[in-house]
N, C-alpha and C. Protein backbone atom coordinates (compact mmCIF):
# COMPACT_ATOMS: atom_id res chain seq x y z
N MET A 1 15.44 -44.82 -4.80
CA MET A 1 14.48 -43.78 -4.56
C MET A 1 15.08 -42.46 -5.04
N THR A 2 14.28 -41.70 -5.77
CA THR A 2 14.73 -40.42 -6.29
C THR A 2 14.00 -39.28 -5.57
N PHE A 3 14.77 -38.26 -5.23
CA PHE A 3 14.19 -37.07 -4.60
C PHE A 3 14.27 -35.91 -5.57
N PHE A 4 13.22 -35.15 -5.63
CA PHE A 4 13.19 -33.97 -6.49
C PHE A 4 13.18 -32.73 -5.61
N TYR A 5 14.02 -31.80 -5.94
CA TYR A 5 14.09 -30.56 -5.19
C TYR A 5 13.70 -29.41 -6.11
N LEU A 6 12.90 -28.54 -5.61
CA LEU A 6 12.53 -27.36 -6.37
C LEU A 6 13.53 -26.27 -6.09
N LYS A 7 14.30 -25.91 -7.10
CA LYS A 7 15.32 -24.88 -6.89
C LYS A 7 14.72 -23.52 -6.60
N ASN A 8 13.71 -23.16 -7.30
CA ASN A 8 13.13 -21.83 -7.15
C ASN A 8 11.76 -21.89 -6.51
N LYS A 9 11.66 -22.70 -5.48
CA LYS A 9 10.39 -22.83 -4.78
C LYS A 9 10.03 -21.47 -4.17
N PRO A 10 8.82 -20.97 -4.43
CA PRO A 10 8.46 -19.67 -3.89
C PRO A 10 8.38 -19.70 -2.37
N MET A 11 8.82 -18.61 -1.76
CA MET A 11 8.74 -18.50 -0.31
C MET A 11 7.31 -18.18 0.10
N ALA A 12 6.95 -18.65 1.27
CA ALA A 12 5.62 -18.35 1.79
C ALA A 12 5.51 -16.86 2.10
N LYS A 13 4.27 -16.38 2.06
CA LYS A 13 4.01 -14.96 2.33
C LYS A 13 3.50 -14.79 3.75
N LEU A 14 3.86 -13.66 4.33
CA LEU A 14 3.32 -13.27 5.63
C LEU A 14 2.62 -11.92 5.48
N ILE A 15 1.34 -11.92 5.78
CA ILE A 15 0.56 -10.68 5.80
C ILE A 15 0.22 -10.43 7.27
N TRP A 16 0.83 -9.41 7.86
CA TRP A 16 0.65 -9.07 9.28
C TRP A 16 -0.25 -7.85 9.33
N ILE A 17 -1.47 -8.03 9.82
CA ILE A 17 -2.46 -6.95 9.85
C ILE A 17 -2.58 -6.44 11.28
N THR A 18 -2.33 -5.15 11.44
CA THR A 18 -2.27 -4.55 12.76
C THR A 18 -3.13 -3.30 12.84
N GLY A 19 -3.58 -2.98 14.03
CA GLY A 19 -4.41 -1.80 14.26
C GLY A 19 -5.03 -1.92 15.64
N LEU A 20 -5.69 -0.87 16.07
CA LEU A 20 -6.32 -0.87 17.39
C LEU A 20 -7.54 -1.79 17.41
N SER A 21 -7.98 -2.13 18.61
CA SER A 21 -9.17 -2.96 18.77
C SER A 21 -10.37 -2.26 18.12
N GLY A 22 -11.08 -3.00 17.29
CA GLY A 22 -12.27 -2.46 16.62
C GLY A 22 -11.98 -1.76 15.31
N SER A 23 -10.72 -1.71 14.91
CA SER A 23 -10.38 -0.99 13.67
C SER A 23 -10.77 -1.76 12.41
N GLY A 24 -10.90 -3.09 12.52
CA GLY A 24 -11.27 -3.89 11.36
C GLY A 24 -10.22 -4.90 10.94
N LYS A 25 -9.24 -5.15 11.79
CA LYS A 25 -8.16 -6.09 11.46
C LYS A 25 -8.70 -7.45 11.03
N THR A 26 -9.57 -8.01 11.84
CA THR A 26 -10.08 -9.36 11.56
C THR A 26 -10.95 -9.38 10.31
N THR A 27 -11.74 -8.35 10.10
CA THR A 27 -12.57 -8.26 8.90
C THR A 27 -11.69 -8.30 7.65
N TYR A 28 -10.66 -7.46 7.63
CA TYR A 28 -9.75 -7.43 6.48
C TYR A 28 -8.96 -8.74 6.39
N GLY A 29 -8.48 -9.22 7.54
CA GLY A 29 -7.68 -10.44 7.55
C GLY A 29 -8.42 -11.65 7.02
N LYS A 30 -9.67 -11.81 7.42
CA LYS A 30 -10.46 -12.95 6.93
C LYS A 30 -10.67 -12.87 5.43
N GLU A 31 -10.85 -11.68 4.91
CA GLU A 31 -11.03 -11.53 3.46
C GLU A 31 -9.73 -11.80 2.70
N VAL A 32 -8.61 -11.33 3.24
CA VAL A 32 -7.31 -11.61 2.61
C VAL A 32 -7.06 -13.12 2.65
N TYR A 33 -7.31 -13.74 3.80
CA TYR A 33 -7.15 -15.19 3.93
C TYR A 33 -8.02 -15.93 2.92
N ARG A 34 -9.29 -15.55 2.83
CA ARG A 34 -10.22 -16.20 1.90
C ARG A 34 -9.70 -16.10 0.47
N ARG A 35 -9.23 -14.93 0.10
CA ARG A 35 -8.72 -14.71 -1.27
C ARG A 35 -7.44 -15.50 -1.50
N MET A 36 -6.52 -15.50 -0.53
CA MET A 36 -5.25 -16.23 -0.69
C MET A 36 -5.49 -17.73 -0.78
N LYS A 37 -6.44 -18.22 0.01
CA LYS A 37 -6.71 -19.66 0.11
C LYS A 37 -7.20 -20.24 -1.23
N ILE A 38 -7.80 -19.42 -2.07
CA ILE A 38 -8.29 -19.88 -3.37
C ILE A 38 -7.16 -20.49 -4.19
N ASP A 39 -6.03 -19.80 -4.26
CA ASP A 39 -4.90 -20.28 -5.07
C ASP A 39 -3.80 -20.94 -4.25
N ASN A 40 -3.85 -20.76 -2.93
CA ASN A 40 -2.78 -21.28 -2.07
C ASN A 40 -3.40 -22.04 -0.90
N ILE A 41 -3.62 -23.33 -1.09
CA ILE A 41 -4.25 -24.13 -0.05
C ILE A 41 -3.42 -24.10 1.23
N ASN A 42 -2.13 -23.91 1.10
CA ASN A 42 -1.24 -23.88 2.25
C ASN A 42 -1.20 -22.47 2.88
N THR A 43 -2.35 -22.02 3.32
CA THR A 43 -2.49 -20.70 3.94
C THR A 43 -3.26 -20.86 5.24
N VAL A 44 -2.77 -20.20 6.30
CA VAL A 44 -3.46 -20.25 7.58
C VAL A 44 -3.79 -18.83 8.05
N PHE A 45 -4.79 -18.76 8.92
CA PHE A 45 -5.23 -17.50 9.51
C PHE A 45 -4.96 -17.55 11.01
N LEU A 46 -4.21 -16.58 11.51
CA LEU A 46 -3.94 -16.46 12.94
C LEU A 46 -4.56 -15.16 13.43
N ASP A 47 -5.11 -15.20 14.64
CA ASP A 47 -5.74 -14.01 15.21
C ASP A 47 -5.33 -13.90 16.68
N GLY A 48 -4.97 -12.71 17.10
CA GLY A 48 -4.54 -12.49 18.48
C GLY A 48 -5.57 -12.93 19.50
N ASP A 49 -6.84 -12.62 19.26
CA ASP A 49 -7.90 -13.01 20.21
C ASP A 49 -8.03 -14.53 20.28
N THR A 50 -7.95 -15.20 19.15
CA THR A 50 -8.05 -16.67 19.13
C THR A 50 -6.87 -17.28 19.88
N TYR A 51 -5.68 -16.72 19.66
CA TYR A 51 -4.49 -17.20 20.37
C TYR A 51 -4.70 -17.09 21.87
N ARG A 52 -5.19 -15.93 22.33
CA ARG A 52 -5.44 -15.73 23.77
C ARG A 52 -6.47 -16.74 24.29
N ASP A 53 -7.52 -16.99 23.51
CA ASP A 53 -8.55 -17.96 23.91
C ASP A 53 -7.97 -19.37 24.05
N LEU A 54 -7.04 -19.72 23.17
CA LEU A 54 -6.44 -21.06 23.22
C LEU A 54 -5.59 -21.27 24.46
N PHE A 55 -4.83 -20.26 24.83
CA PHE A 55 -3.85 -20.45 25.90
C PHE A 55 -4.26 -19.84 27.24
N GLU A 56 -5.19 -18.95 27.27
CA GLU A 56 -5.81 -18.41 28.48
C GLU A 56 -4.87 -17.96 29.58
N SER A 57 -3.61 -17.79 29.31
CA SER A 57 -2.67 -17.47 30.40
C SER A 57 -2.05 -16.09 30.25
N TYR A 58 -2.64 -15.26 29.46
CA TYR A 58 -2.07 -13.94 29.23
C TYR A 58 -3.01 -12.85 29.73
N GLY A 59 -2.40 -11.84 30.33
CA GLY A 59 -3.15 -10.66 30.71
C GLY A 59 -3.10 -9.64 29.58
N TYR A 60 -3.35 -8.41 29.91
CA TYR A 60 -3.42 -7.37 28.88
C TYR A 60 -2.43 -6.23 29.12
N SER A 61 -1.49 -6.43 30.04
CA SER A 61 -0.47 -5.40 30.26
C SER A 61 0.38 -5.27 28.99
N ARG A 62 1.15 -4.21 28.92
CA ARG A 62 2.03 -4.02 27.76
C ARG A 62 2.96 -5.23 27.62
N GLU A 63 3.49 -5.72 28.73
CA GLU A 63 4.41 -6.85 28.71
C GLU A 63 3.72 -8.11 28.20
N ASP A 64 2.49 -8.36 28.66
CA ASP A 64 1.75 -9.53 28.19
C ASP A 64 1.43 -9.40 26.70
N ARG A 65 1.07 -8.21 26.28
CA ARG A 65 0.77 -7.99 24.86
C ARG A 65 2.01 -8.22 24.00
N LEU A 66 3.17 -7.78 24.47
CA LEU A 66 4.42 -8.04 23.75
C LEU A 66 4.69 -9.54 23.68
N LEU A 67 4.47 -10.24 24.77
CA LEU A 67 4.69 -11.69 24.79
C LEU A 67 3.77 -12.41 23.81
N VAL A 68 2.51 -12.03 23.77
CA VAL A 68 1.58 -12.63 22.81
C VAL A 68 2.07 -12.39 21.38
N ALA A 69 2.44 -11.15 21.07
CA ALA A 69 2.91 -10.83 19.72
C ALA A 69 4.19 -11.61 19.38
N LYS A 70 5.10 -11.71 20.33
CA LYS A 70 6.34 -12.46 20.08
C LYS A 70 6.05 -13.94 19.87
N ASN A 71 5.10 -14.48 20.61
CA ASN A 71 4.73 -15.88 20.42
C ASN A 71 4.05 -16.09 19.07
N LEU A 72 3.24 -15.14 18.65
CA LEU A 72 2.65 -15.23 17.31
C LEU A 72 3.73 -15.19 16.24
N ILE A 73 4.78 -14.41 16.46
CA ILE A 73 5.90 -14.38 15.52
C ILE A 73 6.59 -15.74 15.48
N LYS A 74 6.75 -16.39 16.63
CA LYS A 74 7.37 -17.72 16.66
C LYS A 74 6.54 -18.75 15.90
N ILE A 75 5.22 -18.72 16.12
CA ILE A 75 4.33 -19.64 15.40
C ILE A 75 4.41 -19.35 13.90
N THR A 76 4.38 -18.08 13.56
CA THR A 76 4.46 -17.66 12.16
C THR A 76 5.76 -18.14 11.53
N SER A 77 6.86 -18.00 12.25
CA SER A 77 8.16 -18.43 11.75
C SER A 77 8.16 -19.93 11.45
N LEU A 78 7.57 -20.71 12.34
CA LEU A 78 7.47 -22.15 12.12
C LEU A 78 6.68 -22.45 10.85
N LEU A 79 5.55 -21.80 10.69
CA LEU A 79 4.70 -22.02 9.51
C LEU A 79 5.40 -21.59 8.23
N ILE A 80 6.01 -20.41 8.25
CA ILE A 80 6.71 -19.90 7.07
C ILE A 80 7.85 -20.85 6.68
N SER A 81 8.55 -21.39 7.68
CA SER A 81 9.66 -22.32 7.38
C SER A 81 9.17 -23.58 6.69
N GLN A 82 7.88 -23.87 6.80
CA GLN A 82 7.30 -25.04 6.14
C GLN A 82 6.53 -24.63 4.88
N ASN A 83 6.83 -23.43 4.40
CA ASN A 83 6.22 -22.87 3.18
C ASN A 83 4.70 -22.75 3.28
N ILE A 84 4.24 -22.33 4.44
CA ILE A 84 2.82 -22.10 4.66
C ILE A 84 2.60 -20.60 4.78
N ASN A 85 1.73 -20.07 3.95
CA ASN A 85 1.40 -18.64 4.00
C ASN A 85 0.64 -18.34 5.28
N VAL A 86 0.86 -17.14 5.83
CA VAL A 86 0.22 -16.76 7.08
C VAL A 86 -0.42 -15.38 6.93
N VAL A 87 -1.68 -15.29 7.38
CA VAL A 87 -2.35 -14.01 7.54
C VAL A 87 -2.58 -13.89 9.04
N CYS A 88 -1.94 -12.91 9.68
CA CYS A 88 -2.01 -12.76 11.13
C CYS A 88 -2.59 -11.40 11.48
N CYS A 89 -3.63 -11.41 12.32
CA CYS A 89 -4.29 -10.18 12.76
C CYS A 89 -4.08 -10.02 14.26
N THR A 90 -3.44 -8.95 14.64
CA THR A 90 -3.14 -8.70 16.05
C THR A 90 -2.84 -7.22 16.25
N ILE A 91 -3.14 -6.72 17.43
CA ILE A 91 -2.85 -5.30 17.70
C ILE A 91 -1.36 -5.04 17.51
N SER A 92 -0.52 -5.65 18.28
CA SER A 92 0.95 -5.61 18.16
C SER A 92 1.53 -4.26 17.71
N LEU A 93 0.99 -3.18 18.20
CA LEU A 93 1.45 -1.85 17.80
C LEU A 93 2.60 -1.36 18.68
N PHE A 94 3.70 -2.11 18.63
CA PHE A 94 4.88 -1.77 19.42
C PHE A 94 6.10 -1.83 18.52
N LYS A 95 6.98 -0.84 18.65
CA LYS A 95 8.14 -0.76 17.75
C LYS A 95 9.00 -2.03 17.83
N GLU A 96 9.07 -2.66 19.02
CA GLU A 96 9.86 -3.89 19.16
C GLU A 96 9.33 -4.98 18.22
N ILE A 97 8.03 -5.06 18.10
CA ILE A 97 7.42 -6.07 17.24
C ILE A 97 7.65 -5.73 15.77
N HIS A 98 7.48 -4.46 15.42
CA HIS A 98 7.70 -4.05 14.03
C HIS A 98 9.13 -4.38 13.59
N LEU A 99 10.10 -4.09 14.46
CA LEU A 99 11.50 -4.37 14.14
C LEU A 99 11.75 -5.88 14.03
N GLU A 100 11.18 -6.64 14.95
CA GLU A 100 11.37 -8.10 14.90
C GLU A 100 10.79 -8.70 13.62
N LEU A 101 9.63 -8.21 13.22
CA LEU A 101 9.02 -8.70 11.98
C LEU A 101 9.92 -8.41 10.78
N LYS A 102 10.42 -7.19 10.70
CA LYS A 102 11.25 -6.82 9.56
C LYS A 102 12.58 -7.56 9.56
N ASN A 103 13.13 -7.83 10.74
CA ASN A 103 14.40 -8.54 10.83
C ASN A 103 14.25 -10.04 10.58
N LYS A 104 13.13 -10.61 10.97
CA LYS A 104 12.96 -12.06 10.91
C LYS A 104 12.43 -12.56 9.56
N PHE A 105 11.62 -11.74 8.90
CA PHE A 105 10.95 -12.21 7.68
C PHE A 105 11.32 -11.33 6.49
N LYS A 106 11.83 -11.99 5.45
CA LYS A 106 12.18 -11.26 4.23
C LYS A 106 10.93 -10.75 3.51
N LYS A 107 9.88 -11.55 3.54
CA LYS A 107 8.66 -11.19 2.82
C LYS A 107 7.51 -10.93 3.80
N CYS A 108 7.71 -9.95 4.66
CA CYS A 108 6.66 -9.59 5.61
C CYS A 108 5.94 -8.34 5.10
N VAL A 109 4.66 -8.47 4.92
CA VAL A 109 3.84 -7.35 4.48
C VAL A 109 3.02 -6.88 5.69
N ILE A 110 3.32 -5.67 6.16
CA ILE A 110 2.58 -5.12 7.28
C ILE A 110 1.47 -4.23 6.74
N VAL A 111 0.24 -4.55 7.16
CA VAL A 111 -0.93 -3.75 6.78
C VAL A 111 -1.44 -3.09 8.05
N PHE A 112 -1.49 -1.77 8.04
CA PHE A 112 -1.98 -1.03 9.20
C PHE A 112 -3.39 -0.55 8.93
N ILE A 113 -4.32 -0.95 9.79
CA ILE A 113 -5.71 -0.53 9.69
C ILE A 113 -5.94 0.57 10.72
N SER A 114 -6.21 1.77 10.26
CA SER A 114 -6.46 2.88 11.18
C SER A 114 -7.95 3.19 11.22
N CYS A 115 -8.33 3.89 12.25
CA CYS A 115 -9.72 4.30 12.43
C CYS A 115 -9.73 5.44 13.44
N LYS A 116 -10.50 6.44 13.17
CA LYS A 116 -10.59 7.56 14.11
C LYS A 116 -11.13 7.06 15.44
N PHE A 117 -10.59 7.61 16.54
CA PHE A 117 -10.95 7.13 17.87
C PHE A 117 -12.43 7.29 18.16
N GLU A 118 -13.04 8.35 17.66
CA GLU A 118 -14.48 8.55 17.87
C GLU A 118 -15.28 7.39 17.29
N GLU A 119 -14.84 6.89 16.16
CA GLU A 119 -15.52 5.75 15.53
C GLU A 119 -15.26 4.46 16.32
N LEU A 120 -14.04 4.30 16.83
CA LEU A 120 -13.74 3.13 17.66
C LEU A 120 -14.64 3.10 18.89
N LEU A 121 -14.89 4.27 19.46
CA LEU A 121 -15.80 4.35 20.62
C LEU A 121 -17.21 3.92 20.25
N LYS A 122 -17.65 4.27 19.04
CA LYS A 122 -18.99 3.87 18.59
C LYS A 122 -19.06 2.36 18.37
N ARG A 123 -17.99 1.79 17.81
CA ARG A 123 -17.98 0.36 17.50
C ARG A 123 -17.81 -0.49 18.75
N ASP A 124 -16.95 -0.14 19.61
CA ASP A 124 -16.61 -0.73 20.90
C ASP A 124 -17.39 -2.00 21.28
N GLN A 125 -17.36 -3.01 20.42
CA GLN A 125 -18.11 -4.25 20.63
C GLN A 125 -17.77 -4.96 21.95
N LYS A 126 -16.51 -4.88 22.34
CA LYS A 126 -16.09 -5.57 23.56
C LYS A 126 -16.24 -4.67 24.79
N GLY A 127 -16.59 -3.41 24.60
CA GLY A 127 -16.74 -2.47 25.71
C GLY A 127 -15.42 -2.03 26.31
N LEU A 128 -14.32 -2.27 25.61
CA LEU A 128 -13.00 -1.96 26.15
C LEU A 128 -12.79 -0.47 26.37
N TYR A 129 -13.07 0.31 25.33
CA TYR A 129 -12.79 1.73 25.41
C TYR A 129 -13.66 2.42 26.45
N SER A 130 -14.94 2.13 26.44
CA SER A 130 -15.84 2.79 27.39
C SER A 130 -15.53 2.38 28.82
N CYS A 131 -15.26 1.11 29.06
CA CYS A 131 -14.93 0.65 30.41
C CYS A 131 -13.61 1.24 30.90
N CYS A 132 -12.64 1.37 30.01
CA CYS A 132 -11.35 1.94 30.40
C CYS A 132 -11.51 3.42 30.71
N GLN A 133 -12.28 4.12 29.91
CA GLN A 133 -12.50 5.54 30.16
C GLN A 133 -13.23 5.78 31.49
N LYS A 134 -14.07 4.84 31.89
CA LYS A 134 -14.78 4.95 33.17
C LYS A 134 -13.92 4.48 34.35
N GLY A 135 -12.75 3.92 34.07
CA GLY A 135 -11.88 3.42 35.13
C GLY A 135 -12.24 2.02 35.61
N GLU A 136 -13.12 1.33 34.88
CA GLU A 136 -13.54 -0.01 35.28
C GLU A 136 -12.52 -1.08 34.91
N ILE A 137 -11.76 -0.84 33.85
CA ILE A 137 -10.68 -1.74 33.45
C ILE A 137 -9.47 -0.89 33.08
N SER A 138 -8.35 -1.55 32.92
CA SER A 138 -7.14 -0.85 32.49
C SER A 138 -6.46 -1.69 31.42
N ASN A 139 -5.33 -1.22 30.95
CA ASN A 139 -4.51 -1.91 29.95
C ASN A 139 -5.19 -2.02 28.59
N VAL A 140 -5.71 -0.91 28.11
CA VAL A 140 -6.32 -0.87 26.79
C VAL A 140 -5.41 -0.04 25.87
N VAL A 141 -4.93 -0.68 24.82
CA VAL A 141 -4.05 0.01 23.88
C VAL A 141 -4.84 1.15 23.23
N GLY A 142 -4.26 2.32 23.25
CA GLY A 142 -4.90 3.49 22.67
C GLY A 142 -5.59 4.35 23.73
N VAL A 143 -5.76 3.82 24.94
CA VAL A 143 -6.35 4.60 26.03
C VAL A 143 -5.31 4.79 27.12
N ASP A 144 -4.94 3.73 27.82
CA ASP A 144 -3.94 3.87 28.87
C ASP A 144 -2.64 3.12 28.57
N ILE A 145 -2.56 2.49 27.42
CA ILE A 145 -1.30 1.92 26.93
C ILE A 145 -0.98 2.62 25.62
N ASP A 146 0.18 3.28 25.61
CA ASP A 146 0.62 3.95 24.38
C ASP A 146 0.95 2.92 23.32
N PHE A 147 0.87 3.35 22.07
CA PHE A 147 1.19 2.45 20.97
C PHE A 147 2.08 3.17 19.97
N ASP A 148 2.75 2.38 19.15
CA ASP A 148 3.63 2.90 18.11
C ASP A 148 3.03 2.56 16.75
N LEU A 149 2.91 3.56 15.92
CA LEU A 149 2.47 3.31 14.55
C LEU A 149 3.59 2.61 13.80
N PRO A 150 3.25 1.69 12.91
CA PRO A 150 4.31 1.08 12.09
C PRO A 150 5.00 2.18 11.28
N THR A 151 6.32 2.16 11.25
CA THR A 151 7.06 3.23 10.57
C THR A 151 6.96 3.12 9.05
N GLN A 152 6.93 1.92 8.54
CA GLN A 152 6.86 1.74 7.09
C GLN A 152 5.93 0.58 6.75
N PRO A 153 4.64 0.74 7.01
CA PRO A 153 3.74 -0.36 6.63
C PRO A 153 3.69 -0.48 5.11
N PHE A 154 3.44 -1.67 4.63
CA PHE A 154 3.27 -1.88 3.19
C PHE A 154 2.09 -1.05 2.69
N ILE A 155 1.05 -1.05 3.49
CA ILE A 155 -0.13 -0.26 3.14
C ILE A 155 -0.83 0.17 4.42
N SER A 156 -1.38 1.37 4.41
CA SER A 156 -2.21 1.87 5.50
C SER A 156 -3.62 2.06 4.95
N ILE A 157 -4.59 1.60 5.72
CA ILE A 157 -5.98 1.71 5.30
C ILE A 157 -6.75 2.45 6.38
N ASP A 158 -7.44 3.51 6.00
CA ASP A 158 -8.31 4.21 6.94
C ASP A 158 -9.67 3.54 6.88
N ASN A 159 -10.04 2.85 7.95
CA ASN A 159 -11.29 2.11 8.00
C ASN A 159 -12.33 2.82 8.87
N THR A 160 -12.23 4.14 8.94
CA THR A 160 -13.19 4.91 9.73
C THR A 160 -14.59 4.75 9.17
N PHE A 161 -14.68 4.73 7.85
CA PHE A 161 -15.99 4.64 7.21
C PHE A 161 -16.16 3.24 6.63
N LYS A 162 -17.05 2.47 7.22
CA LYS A 162 -17.26 1.09 6.76
C LYS A 162 -17.77 1.05 5.32
N SER A 163 -18.33 2.13 4.85
CA SER A 163 -18.82 2.17 3.47
C SER A 163 -17.68 2.04 2.47
N ASN A 164 -16.45 2.28 2.90
CA ASN A 164 -15.28 2.16 2.02
C ASN A 164 -14.69 0.75 2.02
N LEU A 165 -15.27 -0.17 2.77
CA LEU A 165 -14.70 -1.51 2.94
C LEU A 165 -14.44 -2.21 1.61
N LYS A 166 -15.44 -2.27 0.74
CA LYS A 166 -15.29 -2.99 -0.54
C LYS A 166 -14.18 -2.36 -1.37
N PHE A 167 -14.16 -1.04 -1.47
CA PHE A 167 -13.11 -0.35 -2.23
C PHE A 167 -11.74 -0.62 -1.61
N ASN A 168 -11.65 -0.49 -0.28
CA ASN A 168 -10.37 -0.72 0.40
C ASN A 168 -9.87 -2.14 0.20
N LEU A 169 -10.78 -3.12 0.26
CA LEU A 169 -10.39 -4.51 0.05
C LEU A 169 -9.86 -4.74 -1.36
N GLU A 170 -10.55 -4.21 -2.34
CA GLU A 170 -10.09 -4.37 -3.73
C GLU A 170 -8.72 -3.74 -3.92
N ASP A 171 -8.50 -2.57 -3.31
CA ASP A 171 -7.21 -1.90 -3.39
C ASP A 171 -6.15 -2.76 -2.71
N LEU A 172 -6.48 -3.31 -1.55
CA LEU A 172 -5.54 -4.17 -0.83
C LEU A 172 -5.21 -5.42 -1.64
N PHE A 173 -6.22 -6.07 -2.21
CA PHE A 173 -5.99 -7.26 -3.04
C PHE A 173 -5.06 -6.93 -4.21
N LYS A 174 -5.28 -5.79 -4.81
CA LYS A 174 -4.46 -5.39 -5.95
C LYS A 174 -3.00 -5.20 -5.51
N LYS A 175 -2.79 -4.52 -4.38
CA LYS A 175 -1.44 -4.27 -3.91
C LYS A 175 -0.75 -5.56 -3.44
N LEU A 176 -1.56 -6.49 -2.94
CA LEU A 176 -1.00 -7.78 -2.52
C LEU A 176 -0.88 -8.77 -3.67
N GLU A 177 -1.36 -8.36 -4.83
CA GLU A 177 -1.37 -9.20 -6.03
C GLU A 177 -2.13 -10.49 -5.80
N LEU A 178 -3.34 -10.34 -5.23
CA LEU A 178 -4.21 -11.49 -4.96
C LEU A 178 -5.35 -11.52 -5.97
């Protein structure tokens, strides 16, 4: 039996998309995933909300949010080690997570999706911001949980105006070489 080894096998890519709730992380992530999947069948899409739905054992405190992000990093590490590309969308706006990503992955592309808070309040599909402001809930990143902006994201996208979505996506695809 003969085994063939690829000496210069390309490493899997990690696209980590981060931003506040309602900023557009999942919208951008699904499009990046769709585009990557065309040429790279070995690509998966991870989402913080989906992860929470699967395991149902996490709260929303800063500590729980850090644990979710760290677990997503562990899952991502497993996938990357098997040469599977990963597009991961999660708030994870904590310096500990940014440092862990940069230390753990050689080819980690951090995409930060920003949006003016006034627009996030208008979008507020889950009612998080309005309920937190009324005191009905707590532990909302950007309201009563402080967050850290990524210090050196690969790209920052201002998604305040949804009319810029197509242009922003094309720019992102170009920078990601997709």
